N, C-alpha and C. Protein backbone atom coordinates (compact mmCIF):
# COMPACT_ATOMS: atom_id res chain seq x y z
N UNK A 1 -13.94 11.71 4.61
CA UNK A 1 -14.05 10.56 3.73
C UNK A 1 -13.40 9.37 4.43
N UNK A 2 -13.98 8.20 4.29
CA UNK A 2 -13.45 7.00 4.91
C UNK A 2 -13.43 5.89 3.87
N UNK A 3 -12.34 5.14 3.83
CA UNK A 3 -12.20 4.07 2.88
C UNK A 3 -11.82 2.81 3.61
N UNK A 4 -12.29 1.66 3.15
CA UNK A 4 -11.98 0.39 3.79
C UNK A 4 -11.16 -0.46 2.82
N UNK A 5 -10.00 -0.94 3.26
CA UNK A 5 -9.12 -1.77 2.44
C UNK A 5 -8.87 -3.08 3.16
N UNK A 6 -8.80 -4.18 2.43
CA UNK A 6 -8.41 -5.47 2.97
C UNK A 6 -7.01 -5.77 2.49
N UNK A 7 -6.12 -6.13 3.41
CA UNK A 7 -4.73 -6.38 3.06
C UNK A 7 -4.41 -7.87 3.04
N UNK A 8 -3.38 -8.24 2.29
CA UNK A 8 -2.84 -9.59 2.37
C UNK A 8 -2.23 -9.78 3.75
N UNK A 9 -2.21 -11.00 4.25
CA UNK A 9 -1.78 -11.28 5.61
C UNK A 9 -0.38 -10.75 5.92
N UNK A 10 0.63 -11.07 5.10
CA UNK A 10 2.00 -10.64 5.41
C UNK A 10 2.10 -9.12 5.44
N UNK A 11 1.54 -8.47 4.44
CA UNK A 11 1.59 -7.01 4.38
C UNK A 11 0.77 -6.40 5.50
N UNK A 12 -0.39 -6.97 5.74
CA UNK A 12 -1.26 -6.49 6.81
C UNK A 12 -0.59 -6.58 8.16
N UNK A 13 0.14 -7.65 8.40
CA UNK A 13 0.83 -7.80 9.67
C UNK A 13 1.85 -6.69 9.87
N UNK A 14 2.53 -6.26 8.81
CA UNK A 14 3.49 -5.16 8.93
C UNK A 14 2.79 -3.86 9.30
N UNK A 15 1.65 -3.60 8.72
CA UNK A 15 0.91 -2.37 9.03
C UNK A 15 0.33 -2.43 10.43
N UNK A 16 -0.21 -3.59 10.79
CA UNK A 16 -0.97 -3.71 12.03
C UNK A 16 -0.16 -3.97 13.29
N UNK A 17 0.98 -4.65 13.18
CA UNK A 17 1.57 -5.21 14.39
C UNK A 17 3.04 -4.89 14.61
N UNK A 18 3.62 -3.97 13.89
CA UNK A 18 5.01 -3.64 14.15
C UNK A 18 5.17 -2.13 14.31
N UNK A 19 4.28 -1.54 15.07
CA UNK A 19 4.35 -0.12 15.39
C UNK A 19 4.42 0.76 14.13
N UNK A 20 3.53 0.50 13.19
CA UNK A 20 3.39 1.32 11.99
C UNK A 20 4.66 1.36 11.14
N UNK A 21 5.30 0.22 10.95
CA UNK A 21 6.54 0.17 10.18
C UNK A 21 6.34 0.67 8.76
N UNK A 22 5.28 0.23 8.11
CA UNK A 22 5.03 0.65 6.73
C UNK A 22 4.39 2.03 6.74
N UNK A 23 5.00 2.94 5.99
CA UNK A 23 4.43 4.28 5.90
C UNK A 23 3.92 4.58 4.50
N UNK A 24 4.19 3.66 3.54
CA UNK A 24 3.66 3.81 2.19
C UNK A 24 2.97 2.51 1.79
N UNK A 25 1.69 2.59 1.56
CA UNK A 25 0.88 1.46 1.10
C UNK A 25 0.77 1.55 -0.42
N UNK A 26 0.97 0.46 -1.11
CA UNK A 26 0.91 0.44 -2.58
C UNK A 26 -0.37 -0.24 -3.02
N UNK A 27 -1.09 0.40 -3.92
CA UNK A 27 -2.34 -0.15 -4.47
C UNK A 27 -2.41 0.11 -5.97
N UNK A 28 -3.12 -0.76 -6.69
CA UNK A 28 -3.38 -0.49 -8.10
C UNK A 28 -4.63 0.36 -8.19
N UNK A 29 -4.76 1.04 -9.31
CA UNK A 29 -5.88 1.95 -9.53
C UNK A 29 -7.20 1.17 -9.62
N UNK A 30 -8.17 1.60 -8.83
CA UNK A 30 -9.54 1.09 -8.91
C UNK A 30 -10.44 2.16 -8.32
N UNK A 31 -11.72 1.98 -8.40
CA UNK A 31 -12.67 3.02 -7.96
C UNK A 31 -12.45 3.41 -6.50
N UNK A 32 -12.25 2.44 -5.60
CA UNK A 32 -12.07 2.75 -4.18
C UNK A 32 -10.78 3.52 -3.92
N UNK A 33 -9.72 3.15 -4.61
CA UNK A 33 -8.43 3.81 -4.41
C UNK A 33 -8.48 5.24 -4.93
N UNK A 34 -9.18 5.47 -6.02
CA UNK A 34 -9.29 6.83 -6.57
C UNK A 34 -9.94 7.80 -5.59
N UNK A 35 -10.73 7.29 -4.66
CA UNK A 35 -11.43 8.13 -3.68
C UNK A 35 -10.52 8.54 -2.52
N UNK A 36 -9.38 7.87 -2.37
CA UNK A 36 -8.50 8.13 -1.24
C UNK A 36 -7.66 9.38 -1.50
N UNK A 37 -7.62 10.25 -0.53
CA UNK A 37 -6.81 11.46 -0.62
C UNK A 37 -6.26 11.82 0.75
N UNK A 38 -5.48 12.87 0.82
CA UNK A 38 -4.93 13.32 2.09
C UNK A 38 -6.06 13.56 3.08
N UNK A 39 -5.91 13.06 4.29
CA UNK A 39 -6.93 13.20 5.32
C UNK A 39 -7.86 12.01 5.43
N UNK A 40 -7.91 11.16 4.42
CA UNK A 40 -8.75 9.97 4.47
C UNK A 40 -8.26 9.05 5.58
N UNK A 41 -9.18 8.44 6.31
CA UNK A 41 -8.84 7.43 7.30
C UNK A 41 -9.16 6.08 6.69
N UNK A 42 -8.13 5.21 6.61
CA UNK A 42 -8.32 3.89 6.03
C UNK A 42 -8.46 2.86 7.14
N UNK A 43 -9.45 2.01 7.00
CA UNK A 43 -9.68 0.91 7.93
C UNK A 43 -9.04 -0.33 7.33
N UNK A 44 -7.95 -0.79 7.93
CA UNK A 44 -7.24 -1.97 7.45
C UNK A 44 -7.69 -3.20 8.21
N UNK A 45 -7.93 -4.29 7.45
CA UNK A 45 -8.27 -5.59 8.04
C UNK A 45 -7.48 -6.66 7.31
N UNK A 46 -6.95 -7.62 8.05
CA UNK A 46 -6.25 -8.72 7.39
C UNK A 46 -7.28 -9.70 6.85
N UNK A 47 -6.88 -10.49 5.86
CA UNK A 47 -7.80 -11.43 5.23
C UNK A 47 -7.92 -12.73 6.01
N UNK A 48 -6.95 -13.05 6.87
CA UNK A 48 -6.94 -14.35 7.53
C UNK A 48 -7.54 -14.33 8.94
N UNK A 49 -7.73 -13.17 9.50
CA UNK A 49 -8.28 -13.08 10.86
C UNK A 49 -8.96 -11.73 11.02
N UNK A 50 -9.33 -11.42 12.24
CA UNK A 50 -10.08 -10.18 12.47
C UNK A 50 -9.24 -9.03 12.98
N UNK A 51 -7.93 -9.05 12.72
CA UNK A 51 -7.09 -7.94 13.15
C UNK A 51 -7.37 -6.72 12.28
N UNK A 52 -7.34 -5.56 12.91
CA UNK A 52 -7.64 -4.34 12.16
C UNK A 52 -6.99 -3.13 12.82
N UNK A 53 -6.90 -2.06 12.06
CA UNK A 53 -6.41 -0.78 12.58
C UNK A 53 -6.87 0.32 11.64
N UNK A 54 -6.68 1.54 12.07
CA UNK A 54 -7.03 2.71 11.27
C UNK A 54 -5.76 3.54 11.06
N UNK A 55 -5.58 4.04 9.84
CA UNK A 55 -4.43 4.89 9.52
C UNK A 55 -4.91 6.08 8.69
N UNK A 56 -4.39 7.26 9.01
CA UNK A 56 -4.74 8.48 8.27
C UNK A 56 -3.76 8.65 7.11
N UNK A 57 -4.30 9.07 5.97
CA UNK A 57 -3.50 9.28 4.76
C UNK A 57 -2.92 10.70 4.79
N UNK A 58 -1.61 10.79 4.55
CA UNK A 58 -0.92 12.07 4.50
C UNK A 58 -0.87 12.58 3.06
N UNK A 59 -0.59 11.68 2.12
CA UNK A 59 -0.47 12.06 0.70
C UNK A 59 -0.70 10.83 -0.17
N UNK A 60 -1.10 11.08 -1.42
CA UNK A 60 -1.26 10.02 -2.40
C UNK A 60 -0.50 10.43 -3.66
N UNK A 61 0.37 9.53 -4.13
CA UNK A 61 1.14 9.78 -5.34
C UNK A 61 0.81 8.70 -6.36
N UNK A 62 0.56 9.11 -7.61
CA UNK A 62 0.20 8.17 -8.67
C UNK A 62 1.39 7.97 -9.60
N UNK A 63 1.60 6.71 -10.00
CA UNK A 63 2.67 6.35 -10.92
C UNK A 63 2.10 5.49 -12.04
N UNK A 64 2.81 5.45 -13.15
CA UNK A 64 2.33 4.67 -14.30
C UNK A 64 2.71 3.19 -14.20
N UNK A 65 3.65 2.85 -13.33
CA UNK A 65 4.07 1.45 -13.21
C UNK A 65 4.66 1.20 -11.83
N UNK A 66 4.75 -0.09 -11.46
CA UNK A 66 5.41 -0.45 -10.21
C UNK A 66 6.88 -0.07 -10.26
N UNK A 67 7.51 -0.24 -11.40
CA UNK A 67 8.94 0.09 -11.53
C UNK A 67 9.17 1.57 -11.22
N UNK A 68 8.31 2.43 -11.76
CA UNK A 68 8.43 3.87 -11.52
C UNK A 68 8.21 4.18 -10.03
N UNK A 69 7.22 3.57 -9.42
CA UNK A 69 6.92 3.78 -8.01
C UNK A 69 8.09 3.33 -7.14
N UNK A 70 8.59 2.11 -7.40
CA UNK A 70 9.68 1.56 -6.59
C UNK A 70 10.94 2.41 -6.70
N UNK A 71 11.18 2.99 -7.85
CA UNK A 71 12.35 3.86 -8.04
C UNK A 71 12.19 5.17 -7.27
N UNK A 72 10.97 5.70 -7.22
CA UNK A 72 10.74 7.01 -6.61
C UNK A 72 10.56 6.97 -5.09
N UNK A 73 9.97 5.92 -4.58
CA UNK A 73 9.68 5.83 -3.15
C UNK A 73 10.84 5.16 -2.40
N UNK A 74 11.01 5.50 -1.14
CA UNK A 74 12.03 4.86 -0.31
C UNK A 74 11.59 3.42 0.01
N UNK A 75 12.42 2.42 -0.31
CA UNK A 75 12.01 1.03 -0.12
C UNK A 75 11.65 0.69 1.33
N UNK A 76 12.36 1.28 2.29
CA UNK A 76 12.07 0.95 3.69
C UNK A 76 10.70 1.47 4.13
N UNK A 77 10.13 2.40 3.38
CA UNK A 77 8.78 2.88 3.70
C UNK A 77 7.71 1.94 3.16
N UNK A 78 8.06 1.15 2.15
CA UNK A 78 7.13 0.18 1.57
C UNK A 78 7.24 -1.16 2.28
N UNK A 79 8.48 -1.64 2.42
CA UNK A 79 8.74 -2.90 3.13
C UNK A 79 10.15 -2.83 3.69
N UNK A 80 10.28 -2.74 5.01
CA UNK A 80 11.59 -2.50 5.63
C UNK A 80 12.61 -3.61 5.45
N UNK A 81 12.18 -4.80 5.08
CA UNK A 81 13.11 -5.93 4.98
C UNK A 81 13.43 -6.31 3.54
N UNK A 82 12.97 -5.53 2.56
CA UNK A 82 13.17 -5.89 1.16
C UNK A 82 13.89 -4.80 0.38
N UNK A 83 14.61 -5.24 -0.64
CA UNK A 83 15.28 -4.32 -1.56
C UNK A 83 14.29 -3.86 -2.63
N UNK A 84 14.67 -2.87 -3.41
CA UNK A 84 13.80 -2.41 -4.50
C UNK A 84 13.42 -3.56 -5.45
N UNK A 85 14.39 -4.38 -5.93
CA UNK A 85 14.01 -5.49 -6.82
C UNK A 85 13.06 -6.49 -6.16
N UNK A 86 13.26 -6.75 -4.87
CA UNK A 86 12.37 -7.68 -4.16
C UNK A 86 10.96 -7.10 -4.02
N UNK A 87 10.88 -5.80 -3.75
CA UNK A 87 9.57 -5.15 -3.66
C UNK A 87 8.86 -5.21 -5.00
N UNK A 88 9.58 -4.94 -6.07
CA UNK A 88 8.98 -4.97 -7.41
C UNK A 88 8.44 -6.37 -7.72
N UNK A 89 9.21 -7.40 -7.41
CA UNK A 89 8.77 -8.79 -7.63
C UNK A 89 7.52 -9.09 -6.79
N UNK A 90 7.53 -8.66 -5.53
CA UNK A 90 6.38 -8.90 -4.65
C UNK A 90 5.12 -8.21 -5.17
N UNK A 91 5.25 -6.97 -5.62
CA UNK A 91 4.09 -6.24 -6.12
C UNK A 91 3.50 -6.92 -7.36
N UNK A 92 4.35 -7.40 -8.22
CA UNK A 92 3.86 -8.07 -9.43
C UNK A 92 3.28 -9.45 -9.12
N UNK A 93 3.64 -10.02 -7.98
CA UNK A 93 3.02 -11.28 -7.53
C UNK A 93 1.65 -11.00 -6.92
N UNK A 94 1.57 -9.95 -6.11
CA UNK A 94 0.31 -9.57 -5.47
C UNK A 94 -0.71 -9.12 -6.52
N UNK A 95 -0.24 -8.36 -7.51
CA UNK A 95 -1.11 -7.83 -8.57
C UNK A 95 -0.65 -8.39 -9.92
N UNK A 96 -1.04 -9.64 -10.23
CA UNK A 96 -0.59 -10.27 -11.49
C UNK A 96 -1.35 -9.79 -12.72
N UNK A 97 -0.96 -10.33 -13.85
CA UNK A 97 -1.66 -10.11 -15.12
C UNK A 97 -1.73 -8.64 -15.55
N UNK A 98 -0.68 -7.90 -15.28
CA UNK A 98 -0.61 -6.53 -15.76
C UNK A 98 -1.58 -5.57 -15.12
N UNK A 99 -2.02 -5.85 -13.90
CA UNK A 99 -2.96 -4.94 -13.23
C UNK A 99 -2.38 -3.54 -13.06
N UNK A 100 -1.06 -3.42 -13.06
CA UNK A 100 -0.44 -2.12 -12.88
C UNK A 100 -0.68 -1.19 -14.06
N UNK A 101 -1.13 -1.73 -15.19
CA UNK A 101 -1.37 -0.90 -16.38
C UNK A 101 -2.42 0.18 -16.13
N UNK A 102 -3.30 -0.05 -15.16
CA UNK A 102 -4.33 0.93 -14.81
C UNK A 102 -3.75 2.09 -14.01
N UNK A 103 -2.51 1.96 -13.58
CA UNK A 103 -1.86 2.95 -12.73
C UNK A 103 -1.71 2.42 -11.32
N UNK A 104 -0.70 2.90 -10.61
CA UNK A 104 -0.47 2.47 -9.24
C UNK A 104 -0.36 3.68 -8.33
N UNK A 105 -0.71 3.46 -7.09
CA UNK A 105 -0.73 4.54 -6.11
C UNK A 105 0.18 4.22 -4.93
N UNK A 106 0.93 5.22 -4.48
CA UNK A 106 1.68 5.15 -3.23
C UNK A 106 0.88 5.99 -2.24
N UNK A 107 0.32 5.33 -1.25
CA UNK A 107 -0.50 6.00 -0.26
C UNK A 107 0.35 6.17 1.00
N UNK A 108 0.73 7.41 1.28
CA UNK A 108 1.58 7.69 2.43
C UNK A 108 0.72 7.78 3.68
N UNK A 109 1.07 6.96 4.68
CA UNK A 109 0.31 6.88 5.91
C UNK A 109 0.97 7.67 7.03
N UNK A 110 0.16 8.18 7.93
CA UNK A 110 0.66 8.91 9.08
C UNK A 110 1.33 7.94 10.05
N UNK A 111 2.47 8.37 10.59
CA UNK A 111 3.14 7.52 11.58
C UNK A 111 3.13 8.17 12.94
C-alpha cells in the first residue's frame, strides 16, 4: 500500500532535510490517513517547492484528541525543538476549527 501526503513547509523541512529527525507524524482522521498502516510507504512533498522523500510506517496509533496524543507520545519524536504545550498549540493551529474531533493519528516512521 502506498499513500501520498503533502506537508506544511516547516514540518516538511524537518522530515525531509534533517536526517529523519521526526519519527512521529501527526495527522487528523480522514479517508487517506485511515488507509495508512504498518509497512505503508508515504511519499512526502512540501507545499512550497518540489522537495520530497519516502518514509516507511512502523506503527499507527489513534487518539481521541491532540492533548491525549501529546501526553502519550515523546515530544522529541514529534518536534525536537518544542515542548508538549508548544506542540499542542502548533497542532491546533495547523488543524483549526476542531478538526481533531474526528480523531488524530500518530504515524511512527522508520528511522
